[in-house]
Amino acid sequence: MKLKTFLPLVTYPDPASETSIANAVAASKLLGAELNALALEVEIPQVSNPLSRALLDVGEMIKDARNLSAQRSDELLADVKTGAAAAGLPVRMDSLKSAPALLGEVAGERARHFDLALLGLEPDNAGTRMVAEGVIFGSGRPSLLLPTTAKLEKLDHIAIAWDGSRVAARAVADARLLLERASSVSIVTVTDEKPLKDKDSGERLAESLRDAGLKAEFNAIRAESGPIAATLQRYAAEKADLLVMGGYGHSRLRDFVLGGATEGVLSDLKLPVLLSH
């Protein structure tokens, strides 16, 4: 059965970047997947306040926002089509209208129909963060976060952030298709960030992966005084093409309460990270 990736694209107020599309195309090609792109258009309801209409012409402003969002939707999907064709990649495209505050939720619901979400995370585009959180915590599917600071070229060496938890184990299971394509795997445990119930858990995971035919090694490192997300990303970036980690957090009235490592990665993404919740 062919792997299916999912690419949600924000259109308003700032559109997704060409780099996010290029990285999603590259990731799908590396995985031999079919790319499914969804342009998220904003549907802003008209206001009924006569004063707003008289002083600001809010109705016209809303119309302009809708039209701009629809125009960008067409442009982004055209870029996806062009990139997929150049890569020889099968692609399907669609668009969906939603209230701006619900874009993350609708993206998360649509992502449930695919194997892996591809999320371009752009520091200056708040919409990409909102959609990323909605997909990570609302889809039940793994998400591959793709930074815009570099092009994705290979997925040969994969690092796994391991603390022996249920969430970390879920992430390893969700990353199985990527791990099977890797030439080497590094399991990394930060020993001084929080108490660990089983200090030998990382080595047992490495042994399990070796039994499955993977080249895996275990490494224990120290965070010392730095944030856990920075420590993990710094370690992974030195040797790996991708970091696999569990996503800690939950939703509270559409505001996400995140774990420290998850917040750190979403706020300052340095390399491709597969997050699983």
C-alpha atoms as a PDB file:
ATOM      1  CA  MET A   1       0.000   0.000   0.000  1.00  0.00           C
ATOM      2  CA  LYS A   2       1.434   3.366  -1.054  1.00  0.00           C
ATOM      3  CA  LEU A   3       2.323   5.823   1.689  1.00  0.00           C
ATOM      4  CA  LYS A   4       0.247   9.020   1.614  1.00  0.00           C
ATOM      5  CA  THR A   5       1.590  12.315   2.926  1.00  0.00           C
ATOM      6  CA  PHE A   6      -0.527  15.353   3.792  1.00  0.00           C
ATOM      7  CA  LEU A   7       0.517  18.987   3.288  1.00  0.00           C
ATOM      8  CA  PRO A   8      -1.752  21.706   4.752  1.00  0.00           C
ATOM      9  CA  LEU A   9      -1.032  25.170   3.346  1.00  0.00           C
ATOM     10  CA  VAL A  10      -2.049  28.396   5.054  1.00  0.00           C
ATOM     11  CA  THR A  11      -3.118  31.245   2.781  1.00  0.00           C
ATOM     12  CA  TYR A  12      -3.959  34.146   5.105  1.00  0.00           C
ATOM     13  CA  PRO A  13      -2.827  36.499   6.515  1.00  0.00           C
ATOM     14  CA  ASP A  14       0.553  35.190   5.330  1.00  0.00           C
ATOM     15  CA  PRO A  15       0.837  32.358   2.801  1.00  0.00           C
ATOM     16  CA  ALA A  16       3.002  29.262   3.145  1.00  0.00           C
ATOM     17  CA  SER A  17       6.441  29.623   1.599  1.00  0.00           C
ATOM     18  CA  GLU A  18       7.946  28.060  -1.512  1.00  0.00           C
ATOM     19  CA  THR A  19      10.541  26.389   0.726  1.00  0.00           C
ATOM     20  CA  SER A  20       7.830  24.579   2.712  1.00  0.00           C
ATOM     21  CA  ILE A  21       6.361  23.225  -0.511  1.00  0.00           C
ATOM     22  CA  ALA A  22       9.776  22.218  -1.874  1.00  0.00           C
ATOM     23  CA  ASN A  23      10.645  20.372   1.350  1.00  0.00           C
ATOM     24  CA  ALA A  24       7.281  18.585   1.367  1.00  0.00           C
ATOM     25  CA  VAL A  25       7.829  17.463  -2.217  1.00  0.00           C
ATOM     26  CA  ALA A  26      11.362  16.297  -1.336  1.00  0.00           C
ATOM     27  CA  ALA A  27      10.148  14.377   1.739  1.00  0.00           C
ATOM     28  CA  SER A  28       7.380  12.686  -0.237  1.00  0.00           C
ATOM     29  CA  LYS A  29       9.823  11.659  -2.953  1.00  0.00           C
ATOM     30  CA  LEU A  30      12.307  10.264  -0.414  1.00  0.00           C
ATOM     31  CA  LEU A  31       9.494   8.191   1.098  1.00  0.00           C
ATOM     32  CA  GLY A  32       8.054   7.092  -2.239  1.00  0.00           C
ATOM     33  CA  ALA A  33       4.741   8.634  -1.189  1.00  0.00           C
ATOM     34  CA  GLU A  34       1.736  10.213  -2.813  1.00  0.00           C
ATOM     35  CA  LEU A  35       1.519  13.888  -1.817  1.00  0.00           C
ATOM     36  CA  ASN A  36      -1.878  15.283  -0.840  1.00  0.00           C
ATOM     37  CA  ALA A  37      -1.954  19.085  -0.566  1.00  0.00           C
ATOM     38  CA  LEU A  38      -4.770  21.059   1.047  1.00  0.00           C
ATOM     39  CA  ALA A  39      -4.987  24.849   0.731  1.00  0.00           C
ATOM     40  CA  LEU A  40      -6.720  26.370   3.773  1.00  0.00           C
ATOM     41  CA  GLU A  41      -8.805  29.368   2.731  1.00  0.00           C
ATOM     42  CA  VAL A  42     -10.335  31.730   5.279  1.00  0.00           C
ATOM     43  CA  GLU A  43     -14.087  32.160   5.526  1.00  0.00           C
ATOM     44  CA  ILE A  44     -14.764  35.378   7.450  1.00  0.00           C
ATOM     45  CA  PRO A  45     -18.430  36.083   8.289  1.00  0.00           C
ATOM     46  CA  GLN A  46     -19.851  39.492   7.473  1.00  0.00           C
ATOM     47  CA  VAL A  47     -20.517  41.808  10.420  1.00  0.00           C
ATOM     48  CA  SER A  48     -23.944  43.303  11.022  1.00  0.00           C
ATOM     49  CA  ASN A  49     -22.814  46.391  12.930  1.00  0.00           C
ATOM     50  CA  PRO A  50     -23.918  49.503  10.943  1.00  0.00           C
ATOM     51  CA  LEU A  51     -21.268  51.683  12.623  1.00  0.00           C
ATOM     52  CA  SER A  52     -18.464  49.333  11.514  1.00  0.00           C
ATOM     53  CA  ARG A  53     -19.768  49.358   7.971  1.00  0.00           C
ATOM     54  CA  ALA A  54     -20.031  53.147   7.923  1.00  0.00           C
ATOM     55  CA  LEU A  55     -16.669  54.020   9.513  1.00  0.00           C
ATOM     56  CA  LEU A  56     -14.340  51.260   8.281  1.00  0.00           C
ATOM     57  CA  ASP A  57     -16.211  49.581   5.437  1.00  0.00           C
ATOM     58  CA  VAL A  58     -15.580  46.276   7.195  1.00  0.00           C
ATOM     59  CA  GLY A  59     -17.643  44.439   4.624  1.00  0.00           C
ATOM     60  CA  GLU A  60     -15.240  45.416   1.857  1.00  0.00           C
ATOM     61  CA  MET A  61     -12.239  44.510   4.020  1.00  0.00           C
ATOM     62  CA  ILE A  62     -13.690  41.039   4.610  1.00  0.00           C
ATOM     63  CA  LYS A  63     -14.348  40.614   0.910  1.00  0.00           C
ATOM     64  CA  ASP A  64     -10.744  41.596   0.103  1.00  0.00           C
ATOM     65  CA  ALA A  65      -9.395  39.108   2.658  1.00  0.00           C
ATOM     66  CA  ARG A  66     -11.488  36.280   1.213  1.00  0.00           C
ATOM     67  CA  ASN A  67     -10.397  37.092  -2.330  1.00  0.00           C
ATOM     68  CA  LEU A  68      -6.728  37.310  -1.359  1.00  0.00           C
ATOM     69  CA  SER A  69      -6.932  33.995   0.449  1.00  0.00           C
ATOM     70  CA  ALA A  70      -8.575  32.326  -2.570  1.00  0.00           C
ATOM     71  CA  GLN A  71      -5.964  33.802  -4.926  1.00  0.00           C
ATOM     72  CA  ARG A  72      -3.114  32.521  -2.775  1.00  0.00           C
ATOM     73  CA  SER A  73      -4.794  29.121  -2.577  1.00  0.00           C
ATOM     74  CA  ASP A  74      -4.672  28.838  -6.368  1.00  0.00           C
ATOM     75  CA  GLU A  75      -1.050  30.021  -6.464  1.00  0.00           C
ATOM     76  CA  LEU A  76       0.145  27.619  -3.759  1.00  0.00           C
ATOM     77  CA  LEU A  77      -1.563  24.618  -5.329  1.00  0.00           C
ATOM     78  CA  ALA A  78      -0.063  25.573  -8.689  1.00  0.00           C
ATOM     79  CA  ASP A  79       3.387  25.573  -7.038  1.00  0.00           C
ATOM     80  CA  VAL A  80       2.689  22.144  -5.549  1.00  0.00           C
ATOM     81  CA  LYS A  81       1.623  20.808  -8.958  1.00  0.00           C
ATOM     82  CA  THR A  82       4.755  22.193 -10.618  1.00  0.00           C
ATOM     83  CA  GLY A  83       7.085  20.852  -7.918  1.00  0.00           C
ATOM     84  CA  ALA A  84       5.470  17.411  -7.916  1.00  0.00           C
ATOM     85  CA  ALA A  85       5.654  17.173 -11.700  1.00  0.00           C
ATOM     86  CA  ALA A  86       9.355  18.057 -11.671  1.00  0.00           C
ATOM     87  CA  ALA A  87       9.965  15.353  -9.056  1.00  0.00           C
ATOM     88  CA  GLY A  88       7.858  12.756 -10.846  1.00  0.00           C
ATOM     89  CA  LEU A  89       5.641  12.586  -7.785  1.00  0.00           C
ATOM     90  CA  PRO A  90       1.946  11.589  -7.709  1.00  0.00           C
ATOM     91  CA  VAL A  91      -0.088  14.413  -6.206  1.00  0.00           C
ATOM     92  CA  ARG A  92      -3.657  15.246  -5.264  1.00  0.00           C
ATOM     93  CA  MET A  93      -4.827  18.741  -4.404  1.00  0.00           C
ATOM     94  CA  ASP A  94      -7.842  20.270  -2.714  1.00  0.00           C
ATOM     95  CA  SER A  95      -8.929  23.443  -0.919  1.00  0.00           C
ATOM     96  CA  LEU A  96     -11.096  23.995   2.138  1.00  0.00           C
ATOM     97  CA  LYS A  97     -12.738  27.082   3.620  1.00  0.00           C
ATOM     98  CA  SER A  98     -12.816  27.655   7.366  1.00  0.00           C
ATOM     99  CA  ALA A  99     -13.056  30.377   9.958  1.00  0.00           C
ATOM    100  CA  PRO A 100      -9.521  31.616  10.736  1.00  0.00           C
ATOM    101  CA  ALA A 101      -9.647  30.423  14.362  1.00  0.00           C
ATOM    102  CA  LEU A 102     -10.567  26.879  13.258  1.00  0.00           C
ATOM    103  CA  LEU A 103      -7.891  26.308  10.611  1.00  0.00           C
ATOM    104  CA  GLY A 104      -5.793  24.147  12.933  1.00  0.00           C
ATOM    105  CA  GLU A 105      -8.776  21.997  13.882  1.00  0.00           C
ATOM    106  CA  VAL A 106      -9.950  21.377  10.319  1.00  0.00           C
ATOM    107  CA  ALA A 107      -6.391  20.590   9.214  1.00  0.00           C
ATOM    108  CA  GLY A 108      -6.074  18.099  12.077  1.00  0.00           C
ATOM    109  CA  GLU A 109      -9.336  16.423  11.114  1.00  0.00           C
ATOM    110  CA  ARG A 110      -8.333  16.126   7.447  1.00  0.00           C
ATOM    111  CA  ALA A 111      -4.873  14.786   8.389  1.00  0.00           C
ATOM    112  CA  ARG A 112      -6.496  11.720   9.953  1.00  0.00           C
ATOM    113  CA  HIS A 113      -6.979  10.238   6.478  1.00  0.00           C
ATOM    114  CA  PHE A 114      -3.257  10.139   5.670  1.00  0.00           C
ATOM    115  CA  ASP A 115      -0.125   8.388   6.937  1.00  0.00           C
ATOM    116  CA  LEU A 116       2.134  11.368   7.654  1.00  0.00           C
ATOM    117  CA  ALA A 117       1.566  15.124   7.875  1.00  0.00           C
ATOM    118  CA  LEU A 118       4.243  17.420   6.430  1.00  0.00           C
ATOM    119  CA  LEU A 119       4.287  20.742   8.286  1.00  0.00           C
ATOM    120  CA  GLY A 120       6.382  23.656   7.102  1.00  0.00           C
ATOM    121  CA  LEU A 121       7.066  25.635  10.274  1.00  0.00           C
ATOM    122  CA  GLU A 122       7.931  29.261   9.471  1.00  0.00           C
ATOM    123  CA  PRO A 123       9.130  31.593  12.271  1.00  0.00           C
ATOM    124  CA  ASP A 124       7.440  34.698  10.825  1.00  0.00           C
ATOM    125  CA  ASN A 125       4.160  33.014   9.929  1.00  0.00           C
ATOM    126  CA  ALA A 126       1.911  32.465  12.958  1.00  0.00           C
ATOM    127  CA  GLY A 127      -0.579  30.549  10.823  1.00  0.00           C
ATOM    128  CA  THR A 128       1.879  27.709  10.283  1.00  0.00           C
ATOM    129  CA  ARG A 129       2.327  27.326  14.058  1.00  0.00           C
ATOM    130  CA  MET A 130      -1.429  27.241  14.645  1.00  0.00           C
ATOM    131  CA  VAL A 131      -1.971  24.619  11.950  1.00  0.00           C
ATOM    132  CA  ALA A 132       1.003  22.575  13.183  1.00  0.00           C
ATOM    133  CA  GLU A 133      -0.415  22.407  16.720  1.00  0.00           C
ATOM    134  CA  GLY A 134      -3.852  21.464  15.406  1.00  0.00           C
ATOM    135  CA  VAL A 135      -2.433  18.616  13.322  1.00  0.00           C
ATOM    136  CA  ILE A 136       0.038  17.322  15.935  1.00  0.00           C
ATOM    137  CA  PHE A 137      -2.505  17.146  18.746  1.00  0.00           C
ATOM    138  CA  GLY A 138      -5.719  16.644  16.795  1.00  0.00           C
ATOM    139  CA  SER A 139      -4.976  14.184  14.012  1.00  0.00           C
ATOM    140  CA  GLY A 140      -3.734  11.043  15.762  1.00  0.00           C
ATOM    141  CA  ARG A 141      -1.106  10.826  13.021  1.00  0.00           C
ATOM    142  CA  PRO A 142       2.640  11.517  13.097  1.00  0.00           C
ATOM    143  CA  SER A 143       3.819  14.902  11.853  1.00  0.00           C
ATOM    144  CA  LEU A 144       7.096  15.753  10.158  1.00  0.00           C
ATOM    145  CA  LEU A 145       8.088  19.346  10.970  1.00  0.00           C
ATOM    146  CA  LEU A 146      10.120  20.911   8.187  1.00  0.00           C
ATOM    147  CA  PRO A 147      12.177  24.071   8.825  1.00  0.00           C
ATOM    148  CA  THR A 148      12.498  26.717   6.127  1.00  0.00           C
ATOM    149  CA  THR A 149      16.158  27.351   6.981  1.00  0.00           C
ATOM    150  CA  ALA A 150      17.437  24.438   4.901  1.00  0.00           C
ATOM    151  CA  LYS A 151      16.432  22.130   2.067  1.00  0.00           C
ATOM    152  CA  LEU A 152      15.588  18.533   2.834  1.00  0.00           C
ATOM    153  CA  GLU A 153      17.925  16.291   0.827  1.00  0.00           C
ATOM    154  CA  LYS A 154      18.167  12.954   2.632  1.00  0.00           C
ATOM    155  CA  LEU A 155      16.861  10.893   5.553  1.00  0.00           C
ATOM    156  CA  ASP A 156      19.784   8.505   6.007  1.00  0.00           C
ATOM    157  CA  HIS A 157      20.672   9.010   9.674  1.00  0.00           C
ATOM    158  CA  ILE A 158      17.844   9.315  12.199  1.00  0.00           C
ATOM    159  CA  ALA A 159      18.144  10.320  15.854  1.00  0.00           C
ATOM    160  CA  ILE A 160      15.521   9.278  18.419  1.00  0.00           C
ATOM    161  CA  ALA A 161      14.910  11.286  21.601  1.00  0.00           C
ATOM    162  CA  TRP A 162      14.219   8.590  24.193  1.00  0.00           C
ATOM    163  CA  ASP A 163      13.076   8.789  27.814  1.00  0.00           C
ATOM    164  CA  GLY A 164      11.308   5.439  28.074  1.00  0.00           C
ATOM    165  CA  SER A 165       7.843   7.033  28.124  1.00  0.00           C
ATOM    166  CA  ARG A 166       4.669   5.948  26.349  1.00  0.00           C
ATOM    167  CA  VAL A 167       4.823   9.025  24.112  1.00  0.00           C
ATOM    168  CA  ALA A 168       8.417   8.271  23.084  1.00  0.00           C
ATOM    169  CA  ALA A 169       7.495   4.652  22.327  1.00  0.00           C
ATOM    170  CA  ARG A 170       4.575   5.834  20.194  1.00  0.00           C
ATOM    171  CA  ALA A 171       6.936   8.108  18.263  1.00  0.00           C
ATOM    172  CA  VAL A 172       9.313   5.228  17.519  1.00  0.00           C
ATOM    173  CA  ALA A 173       6.416   3.108  16.257  1.00  0.00           C
ATOM    174  CA  ASP A 174       5.112   5.949  14.092  1.00  0.00           C
ATOM    175  CA  ALA A 175       8.586   6.499  12.646  1.00  0.00           C
ATOM    176  CA  ARG A 176       8.995   2.853  11.630  1.00  0.00           C
ATOM    177  CA  LEU A 177       8.635   3.487   7.889  1.00  0.00           C
ATOM    178  CA  LEU A 178      11.340   6.145   8.067  1.00  0.00           C
ATOM    179  CA  LEU A 179      13.607   4.043  10.284  1.00  0.00           C
ATOM    180  CA  GLU A 180      13.469   1.143   7.822  1.00  0.00           C
ATOM    181  CA  ARG A 181      14.849   3.448   5.125  1.00  0.00           C
ATOM    182  CA  ALA A 182      17.682   4.798   7.309  1.00  0.00           C
ATOM    183  CA  SER A 183      21.271   3.585   7.127  1.00  0.00           C
ATOM    184  CA  SER A 184      21.864   4.299  10.831  1.00  0.00           C
ATOM    185  CA  VAL A 185      19.919   5.235  13.961  1.00  0.00           C
ATOM    186  CA  SER A 186      21.079   7.009  17.136  1.00  0.00           C
ATOM    187  CA  ILE A 187      19.021   6.749  20.323  1.00  0.00           C
ATOM    188  CA  VAL A 188      19.742   9.662  22.649  1.00  0.00           C
ATOM    189  CA  THR A 189      18.701  10.092  26.284  1.00  0.00           C
ATOM    190  CA  VAL A 190      19.263  13.299  28.245  1.00  0.00           C
ATOM    191  CA  THR A 191      20.233  12.063  31.692  1.00  0.00           C
ATOM    192  CA  ASP A 192      20.003  15.221  33.820  1.00  0.00           C
ATOM    193  CA  GLU A 193      16.762  16.780  32.577  1.00  0.00           C
ATOM    194  CA  LYS A 194      14.335  14.689  34.672  1.00  0.00           C
ATOM    195  CA  PRO A 195      14.406  11.479  36.742  1.00  0.00           C
ATOM    196  CA  LEU A 196      14.511   8.334  34.600  1.00  0.00           C
ATOM    197  CA  LYS A 197      12.745   5.208  35.850  1.00  0.00           C
ATOM    198  CA  ASP A 198      14.891   2.846  33.794  1.00  0.00           C
ATOM    199  CA  LYS A 199      18.418   3.935  32.922  1.00  0.00           C
ATOM    200  CA  ASP A 200      18.934   0.902  30.675  1.00  0.00           C
ATOM    201  CA  SER A 201      15.825   1.538  28.581  1.00  0.00           C
ATOM    202  CA  GLY A 202      17.729   3.315  25.783  1.00  0.00           C
ATOM    203  CA  GLU A 203      20.189   0.480  25.308  1.00  0.00           C
ATOM    204  CA  ARG A 204      17.329  -2.032  25.214  1.00  0.00           C
ATOM    205  CA  LEU A 205      15.635   0.016  22.472  1.00  0.00           C
ATOM    206  CA  ALA A 206      18.876   0.038  20.485  1.00  0.00           C
ATOM    207  CA  GLU A 207      19.125  -3.730  20.871  1.00  0.00           C
ATOM    208  CA  SER A 208      15.527  -4.156  19.747  1.00  0.00           C
ATOM    209  CA  LEU A 209      16.158  -2.083  16.632  1.00  0.00           C
ATOM    210  CA  ARG A 210      19.330  -4.044  15.887  1.00  0.00           C
ATOM    211  CA  ASP A 211      17.338  -7.262  16.162  1.00  0.00           C
ATOM    212  CA  ALA A 212      15.005  -5.793  13.534  1.00  0.00           C
ATOM    213  CA  GLY A 213      17.947  -5.319  11.167  1.00  0.00           C
ATOM    214  CA  LEU A 214      18.727  -1.661  11.825  1.00  0.00           C
ATOM    215  CA  LYS A 215      22.142  -0.231  12.626  1.00  0.00           C
ATOM    216  CA  ALA A 216      21.389   1.397  15.985  1.00  0.00           C
ATOM    217  CA  GLU A 217      23.471   2.818  18.832  1.00  0.00           C
ATOM    218  CA  PHE A 218      22.614   4.363  22.187  1.00  0.00           C
ATOM    219  CA  ASN A 219      24.069   7.620  23.534  1.00  0.00           C
ATOM    220  CA  ALA A 220      23.507   9.273  26.923  1.00  0.00           C
ATOM    221  CA  ILE A 221      24.092  13.032  27.007  1.00  0.00           C
ATOM    222  CA  ARG A 222      23.694  15.883  29.494  1.00  0.00           C
ATOM    223  CA  ALA A 223      21.539  18.975  29.062  1.00  0.00           C
ATOM    224  CA  GLU A 224      23.432  20.862  31.785  1.00  0.00           C
ATOM    225  CA  SER A 225      21.940  24.373  31.889  1.00  0.00           C
ATOM    226  CA  GLY A 226      20.470  24.567  28.377  1.00  0.00           C
ATOM    227  CA  PRO A 227      16.854  23.970  27.308  1.00  0.00           C
ATOM    228  CA  ILE A 228      16.081  20.338  26.538  1.00  0.00           C
ATOM    229  CA  ALA A 229      14.879  21.101  22.992  1.00  0.00           C
ATOM    230  CA  ALA A 230      18.098  22.948  22.171  1.00  0.00           C
ATOM    231  CA  THR A 231      20.192  20.085  23.559  1.00  0.00           C
ATOM    232  CA  LEU A 232      18.342  17.442  21.531  1.00  0.00           C
ATOM    233  CA  GLN A 233      18.369  19.445  18.310  1.00  0.00           C
ATOM    234  CA  ARG A 234      22.027  20.365  18.682  1.00  0.00           C
ATOM    235  CA  TYR A 235      22.991  16.733  19.188  1.00  0.00           C
ATOM    236  CA  ALA A 236      20.827  15.531  16.291  1.00  0.00           C
ATOM    237  CA  ALA A 237      22.002  18.232  13.898  1.00  0.00           C
ATOM    238  CA  GLU A 238      25.631  17.179  14.330  1.00  0.00           C
ATOM    239  CA  LYS A 239      25.066  13.716  12.867  1.00  0.00           C
ATOM    240  CA  ALA A 240      21.447  13.123  11.829  1.00  0.00           C
ATOM    241  CA  ASP A 241      19.079  14.246   9.086  1.00  0.00           C
ATOM    242  CA  LEU A 242      15.974  13.861  11.260  1.00  0.00           C
ATOM    243  CA  LEU A 243      15.030  13.815  14.947  1.00  0.00           C
ATOM    244  CA  VAL A 244      12.182  11.607  16.197  1.00  0.00           C
ATOM    245  CA  MET A 245      10.499  12.594  19.455  1.00  0.00           C
ATOM    246  CA  GLY A 246       7.216  12.365  21.327  1.00  0.00           C
ATOM    247  CA  GLY A 247       4.979  15.417  21.455  1.00  0.00           C
ATOM    248  CA  TYR A 248       3.849  16.340  24.962  1.00  0.00           C
ATOM    249  CA  GLY A 249       0.818  18.564  25.393  1.00  0.00           C
ATOM    250  CA  HIS A 250      -2.950  18.889  25.380  1.00  0.00           C
ATOM    251  CA  SER A 251      -5.587  21.282  24.115  1.00  0.00           C
ATOM    252  CA  ARG A 252      -7.484  23.675  26.375  1.00  0.00           C
ATOM    253  CA  LEU A 253     -10.140  25.586  24.449  1.00  0.00           C
ATOM    254  CA  ARG A 254      -7.892  25.660  21.376  1.00  0.00           C
ATOM    255  CA  ASP A 255      -4.941  26.943  23.417  1.00  0.00           C
ATOM    256  CA  PHE A 256      -2.308  24.229  23.585  1.00  0.00           C
ATOM    257  CA  VAL A 257      -0.466  23.534  26.824  1.00  0.00           C
ATOM    258  CA  LEU A 258       2.853  22.086  25.688  1.00  0.00           C
ATOM    259  CA  GLY A 259       5.715  20.207  27.266  1.00  0.00           C
ATOM    260  CA  GLY A 260       9.097  21.939  27.406  1.00  0.00           C
ATOM    261  CA  ALA A 261      10.765  19.977  24.607  1.00  0.00           C
ATOM    262  CA  THR A 262       7.720  20.243  22.345  1.00  0.00           C
ATOM    263  CA  GLU A 263       7.419  24.001  22.893  1.00  0.00           C
ATOM    264  CA  GLY A 264      11.146  24.437  22.263  1.00  0.00           C
ATOM    265  CA  VAL A 265      11.042  22.592  18.947  1.00  0.00           C
ATOM    266  CA  LEU A 266       7.941  24.428  17.720  1.00  0.00           C
ATOM    267  CA  SER A 267       9.422  27.788  18.718  1.00  0.00           C
ATOM    268  CA  ASP A 268      12.887  27.249  17.254  1.00  0.00           C
ATOM    269  CA  LEU A 269      13.030  24.401  14.737  1.00  0.00           C
ATOM    270  CA  LYS A 270      16.593  23.633  13.617  1.00  0.00           C
ATOM    271  CA  LEU A 271      16.201  20.408  11.597  1.00  0.00           C
ATOM    272  CA  PRO A 272      13.410  18.094  10.420  1.00  0.00           C
ATOM    273  CA  VAL A 273      11.627  16.642  13.465  1.00  0.00           C
ATOM    274  CA  LEU A 274       9.054  13.866  13.492  1.00  0.00           C
ATOM    275  CA  LEU A 275       6.635  14.570  16.342  1.00  0.00           C
ATOM    276  CA  SER A 276       4.106  11.984  17.501  1.00  0.00           C
ATOM    277  CA  HIS A 277       1.434  12.543  20.142  1.00  0.00           C
END
